Amino acid sequence: MSVAKRPFFTCYSTSLWVRFLRFSLVSQKRLEDDLDKLDLTPPQFYVLATIGYAGGLPFGEIGAKMMVTVSNLTGIVDRLEDKKLVSRKRDAIDRRVVHVVLTDKGAKVYKSAVPLFEKSVARIFSSLDKSQQKELSALFRKLNRTSWAGESHLD
């Protein structure tokens, strides 16, 4: 008895999504493994990098830049504070605003983490030459500009 073979997904965009998801998961795991050498999770690194680049930011701005809620950010900052990498400082003018800043130890970790992160990311995209990387970047930029507000895609 023969079973008719047909593609698991009939829509090419679904297969594309699966490939993208697989790439995302594998590359995320590689980043996790590399950042683990510095005892950092990817979200901890992203907070550290955001603060390191900006020189300290209010909680709300960090959350907006990382596209995470303040409640999720609180746990990440708590763990970074436990590691003595960041500290919280109340704003001198508006005491309701809490800034997150790097400690001296955090600044040192930030300076060593960025090159490690960049090396890891370069390795992830190393199978693409520079022009392919630019093309992929342009495609992602185009996808990111697409507005889905008010549209139903499950009709």
C-alpha atoms as a PDB file:
ATOM      1  CA  MET A   1       0.000   0.000   0.000  1.00  0.00           C
ATOM      2  CA  SER A   2       1.447   3.317  -1.111  1.00  0.00           C
ATOM      3  CA  VAL A   3       0.834   6.561   0.743  1.00  0.00           C
ATOM      4  CA  ALA A   4       0.636   9.657  -1.422  1.00  0.00           C
ATOM      5  CA  LYS A   5       3.488  12.004  -0.593  1.00  0.00           C
ATOM      6  CA  ARG A   6       2.732  15.665  -0.341  1.00  0.00           C
ATOM      7  CA  PRO A   7       4.599  18.516   1.273  1.00  0.00           C
ATOM      8  CA  PHE A   8       4.051  18.960   4.984  1.00  0.00           C
ATOM      9  CA  PHE A   9       3.341  22.641   4.332  1.00  0.00           C
ATOM     10  CA  THR A  10       1.582  23.671   1.160  1.00  0.00           C
ATOM     11  CA  CYS A  11       2.440  27.370   1.445  1.00  0.00           C
ATOM     12  CA  TYR A  12       6.013  28.389   0.600  1.00  0.00           C
ATOM     13  CA  SER A  13       5.954  31.225   3.154  1.00  0.00           C
ATOM     14  CA  THR A  14       5.280  28.643   5.875  1.00  0.00           C
ATOM     15  CA  SER A  15       8.354  26.663   4.837  1.00  0.00           C
ATOM     16  CA  LEU A  16      10.298  29.916   4.802  1.00  0.00           C
ATOM     17  CA  TRP A  17       9.101  30.663   8.323  1.00  0.00           C
ATOM     18  CA  VAL A  18      10.229  27.192   9.505  1.00  0.00           C
ATOM     19  CA  ARG A  19      13.691  27.755   7.986  1.00  0.00           C
ATOM     20  CA  PHE A  20      13.893  31.183   9.597  1.00  0.00           C
ATOM     21  CA  LEU A  21      12.791  29.781  12.958  1.00  0.00           C
ATOM     22  CA  ARG A  22      15.315  26.936  12.764  1.00  0.00           C
ATOM     23  CA  PHE A  23      18.093  29.416  11.936  1.00  0.00           C
ATOM     24  CA  SER A  24      16.974  31.673  14.777  1.00  0.00           C
ATOM     25  CA  LEU A  25      16.939  28.859  17.334  1.00  0.00           C
ATOM     26  CA  VAL A  26      20.319  27.445  16.287  1.00  0.00           C
ATOM     27  CA  SER A  27      22.000  30.863  16.222  1.00  0.00           C
ATOM     28  CA  GLN A  28      20.433  31.803  19.577  1.00  0.00           C
ATOM     29  CA  LYS A  29      21.884  28.600  21.077  1.00  0.00           C
ATOM     30  CA  ARG A  30      25.349  29.473  19.719  1.00  0.00           C
ATOM     31  CA  LEU A  31      25.103  32.953  21.242  1.00  0.00           C
ATOM     32  CA  GLU A  32      23.968  31.480  24.556  1.00  0.00           C
ATOM     33  CA  ASP A  33      26.952  29.108  24.583  1.00  0.00           C
ATOM     34  CA  ASP A  34      29.401  31.937  23.872  1.00  0.00           C
ATOM     35  CA  LEU A  35      27.863  34.355  26.386  1.00  0.00           C
ATOM     36  CA  ASP A  36      27.804  31.592  29.006  1.00  0.00           C
ATOM     37  CA  LYS A  37      31.607  31.934  29.072  1.00  0.00           C
ATOM     38  CA  LEU A  38      31.016  35.373  30.610  1.00  0.00           C
ATOM     39  CA  ASP A  39      28.247  34.063  32.892  1.00  0.00           C
ATOM     40  CA  LEU A  40      25.656  36.092  30.961  1.00  0.00           C
ATOM     41  CA  THR A  41      22.381  35.146  29.318  1.00  0.00           C
ATOM     42  CA  PRO A  42      21.508  36.847  26.017  1.00  0.00           C
ATOM     43  CA  PRO A  43      18.922  39.143  27.691  1.00  0.00           C
ATOM     44  CA  GLN A  44      21.490  40.100  30.338  1.00  0.00           C
ATOM     45  CA  PHE A  45      24.017  40.867  27.607  1.00  0.00           C
ATOM     46  CA  TYR A  46      21.472  42.957  25.683  1.00  0.00           C
ATOM     47  CA  VAL A  47      20.706  45.030  28.795  1.00  0.00           C
ATOM     48  CA  LEU A  48      24.411  45.395  29.544  1.00  0.00           C
ATOM     49  CA  ALA A  49      25.143  46.423  25.949  1.00  0.00           C
ATOM     50  CA  THR A  50      22.215  48.867  25.836  1.00  0.00           C
ATOM     51  CA  ILE A  51      23.326  50.539  29.059  1.00  0.00           C
ATOM     52  CA  GLY A  52      27.007  50.408  28.122  1.00  0.00           C
ATOM     53  CA  TYR A  53      26.365  52.111  24.804  1.00  0.00           C
ATOM     54  CA  ALA A  54      24.056  54.776  26.209  1.00  0.00           C
ATOM     55  CA  GLY A  55      25.872  55.352  29.496  1.00  0.00           C
ATOM     56  CA  GLY A  56      22.906  54.419  31.682  1.00  0.00           C
ATOM     57  CA  LEU A  57      19.200  54.704  30.982  1.00  0.00           C
ATOM     58  CA  PRO A  58      15.872  54.848  32.788  1.00  0.00           C
ATOM     59  CA  PHE A  59      14.079  51.513  33.104  1.00  0.00           C
ATOM     60  CA  GLY A  60      11.360  52.515  30.638  1.00  0.00           C
ATOM     61  CA  GLU A  61      13.845  53.435  27.909  1.00  0.00           C
ATOM     62  CA  ILE A  62      15.732  50.159  28.288  1.00  0.00           C
ATOM     63  CA  GLY A  63      12.452  48.255  28.012  1.00  0.00           C
ATOM     64  CA  ALA A  64      11.445  50.205  24.910  1.00  0.00           C
ATOM     65  CA  LYS A  65      14.814  49.645  23.212  1.00  0.00           C
ATOM     66  CA  MET A  66      14.720  45.916  23.999  1.00  0.00           C
ATOM     67  CA  MET A  67      10.972  45.586  23.330  1.00  0.00           C
ATOM     68  CA  VAL A  68      10.371  43.963  26.735  1.00  0.00           C
ATOM     69  CA  THR A  69       8.014  44.881  29.548  1.00  0.00           C
ATOM     70  CA  VAL A  70       9.318  46.601  32.660  1.00  0.00           C
ATOM     71  CA  SER A  71       8.303  43.541  34.699  1.00  0.00           C
ATOM     72  CA  ASN A  72      10.507  41.274  32.534  1.00  0.00           C
ATOM     73  CA  LEU A  73      13.304  43.825  32.650  1.00  0.00           C
ATOM     74  CA  THR A  74      13.164  43.965  36.456  1.00  0.00           C
ATOM     75  CA  GLY A  75      14.220  40.318  36.763  1.00  0.00           C
ATOM     76  CA  ILE A  76      17.069  40.746  34.289  1.00  0.00           C
ATOM     77  CA  VAL A  77      18.344  43.865  36.081  1.00  0.00           C
ATOM     78  CA  ASP A  78      17.977  42.119  39.465  1.00  0.00           C
ATOM     79  CA  ARG A  79      20.283  39.321  38.270  1.00  0.00           C
ATOM     80  CA  LEU A  80      22.785  41.802  36.808  1.00  0.00           C
ATOM     81  CA  GLU A  81      22.711  43.690  40.101  1.00  0.00           C
ATOM     82  CA  ASP A  82      23.329  40.420  42.021  1.00  0.00           C
ATOM     83  CA  LYS A  83      26.419  39.943  39.825  1.00  0.00           C
ATOM     84  CA  LYS A  84      27.509  43.518  40.701  1.00  0.00           C
ATOM     85  CA  LEU A  85      27.412  44.528  37.014  1.00  0.00           C
ATOM     86  CA  VAL A  86      24.750  47.257  37.279  1.00  0.00           C
ATOM     87  CA  SER A  87      23.217  49.470  39.911  1.00  0.00           C
ATOM     88  CA  ARG A  88      19.982  51.394  40.166  1.00  0.00           C
ATOM     89  CA  LYS A  89      20.115  55.157  40.705  1.00  0.00           C
ATOM     90  CA  ARG A  90      17.151  57.420  41.383  1.00  0.00           C
ATOM     91  CA  ASP A  91      16.885  60.462  39.148  1.00  0.00           C
ATOM     92  CA  ALA A  92      17.941  63.628  41.014  1.00  0.00           C
ATOM     93  CA  ILE A  93      15.051  65.664  39.595  1.00  0.00           C
ATOM     94  CA  ASP A  94      12.259  63.094  39.368  1.00  0.00           C
ATOM     95  CA  ARG A  95      12.648  60.522  42.167  1.00  0.00           C
ATOM     96  CA  ARG A  96      10.082  58.243  40.461  1.00  0.00           C
ATOM     97  CA  VAL A  97      12.555  57.596  37.616  1.00  0.00           C
ATOM     98  CA  VAL A  98      15.113  54.856  38.169  1.00  0.00           C
ATOM     99  CA  HIS A  99      18.235  54.772  36.001  1.00  0.00           C
ATOM    100  CA  VAL A 100      20.252  51.605  35.481  1.00  0.00           C
ATOM    101  CA  VAL A 101      24.002  52.211  35.189  1.00  0.00           C
ATOM    102  CA  LEU A 102      27.047  49.999  34.799  1.00  0.00           C
ATOM    103  CA  THR A 103      29.303  49.472  37.766  1.00  0.00           C
ATOM    104  CA  ASP A 104      33.082  49.434  37.230  1.00  0.00           C
ATOM    105  CA  LYS A 105      32.893  45.632  37.058  1.00  0.00           C
ATOM    106  CA  GLY A 106      29.980  45.902  34.611  1.00  0.00           C
ATOM    107  CA  ALA A 107      31.956  48.262  32.371  1.00  0.00           C
ATOM    108  CA  LYS A 108      34.814  45.741  32.224  1.00  0.00           C
ATOM    109  CA  VAL A 109      32.445  42.873  31.384  1.00  0.00           C
ATOM    110  CA  TYR A 110      30.737  45.058  28.760  1.00  0.00           C
ATOM    111  CA  LYS A 111      34.075  45.832  27.095  1.00  0.00           C
ATOM    112  CA  SER A 112      34.989  42.138  26.916  1.00  0.00           C
ATOM    113  CA  ALA A 113      31.468  40.940  26.006  1.00  0.00           C
ATOM    114  CA  VAL A 114      30.980  43.118  22.923  1.00  0.00           C
ATOM    115  CA  PRO A 115      33.954  41.666  20.965  1.00  0.00           C
ATOM    116  CA  LEU A 116      32.923  38.132  21.976  1.00  0.00           C
ATOM    117  CA  PHE A 117      29.352  38.817  20.835  1.00  0.00           C
ATOM    118  CA  GLU A 118      30.502  40.324  17.536  1.00  0.00           C
ATOM    119  CA  LYS A 119      32.805  37.363  16.883  1.00  0.00           C
ATOM    120  CA  SER A 120      29.958  34.962  17.622  1.00  0.00           C
ATOM    121  CA  VAL A 121      27.549  36.806  15.305  1.00  0.00           C
ATOM    122  CA  ALA A 122      30.192  37.002  12.561  1.00  0.00           C
ATOM    123  CA  ARG A 123      30.596  33.225  12.801  1.00  0.00           C
ATOM    124  CA  ILE A 124      26.824  32.751  12.512  1.00  0.00           C
ATOM    125  CA  PHE A 125      26.708  34.733   9.245  1.00  0.00           C
ATOM    126  CA  SER A 126      30.092  33.582   7.906  1.00  0.00           C
ATOM    127  CA  SER A 127      28.546  31.370   5.221  1.00  0.00           C
ATOM    128  CA  LEU A 128      27.218  34.532   3.528  1.00  0.00           C
ATOM    129  CA  ASP A 129      29.581  36.910   1.757  1.00  0.00           C
ATOM    130  CA  LYS A 130      29.356  40.648   2.444  1.00  0.00           C
ATOM    131  CA  SER A 131      26.932  41.357  -0.422  1.00  0.00           C
ATOM    132  CA  GLN A 132      24.621  38.533   0.721  1.00  0.00           C
ATOM    133  CA  GLN A 133      24.733  39.879   4.277  1.00  0.00           C
ATOM    134  CA  LYS A 134      23.775  43.339   2.986  1.00  0.00           C
ATOM    135  CA  GLU A 135      20.947  41.846   0.938  1.00  0.00           C
ATOM    136  CA  LEU A 136      19.655  39.925   3.961  1.00  0.00           C
ATOM    137  CA  SER A 137      19.856  43.085   6.047  1.00  0.00           C
ATOM    138  CA  ALA A 138      17.832  44.989   3.444  1.00  0.00           C
ATOM    139  CA  LEU A 139      15.229  42.228   3.385  1.00  0.00           C
ATOM    140  CA  PHE A 140      14.909  42.279   7.177  1.00  0.00           C
ATOM    141  CA  ARG A 141      14.649  46.073   7.104  1.00  0.00           C
ATOM    142  CA  LYS A 142      11.813  45.747   4.589  1.00  0.00           C
ATOM    143  CA  LEU A 143      10.021  43.139   6.715  1.00  0.00           C
ATOM    144  CA  ASN A 144      10.440  45.283   9.840  1.00  0.00           C
ATOM    145  CA  ARG A 145       8.882  48.296   8.099  1.00  0.00           C
ATOM    146  CA  THR A 146       5.745  46.315   7.244  1.00  0.00           C
ATOM    147  CA  SER A 147       2.811  47.356   9.368  1.00  0.00           C
ATOM    148  CA  TRP A 148       0.442  44.587  10.412  1.00  0.00           C
ATOM    149  CA  ALA A 149      -1.820  46.872  12.457  1.00  0.00           C
ATOM    150  CA  GLY A 150      -5.474  46.271  11.773  1.00  0.00           C
ATOM    151  CA  GLU A 151      -4.882  43.467   9.276  1.00  0.00           C
ATOM    152  CA  SER A 152      -6.101  39.944   9.755  1.00  0.00           C
ATOM    153  CA  HIS A 153      -3.778  37.397   8.161  1.00  0.00           C
ATOM    154  CA  LEU A 154      -5.702  34.336   9.207  1.00  0.00           C
ATOM    155  CA  ASP A 155      -8.723  34.861   6.919  1.00  0.00           C
END
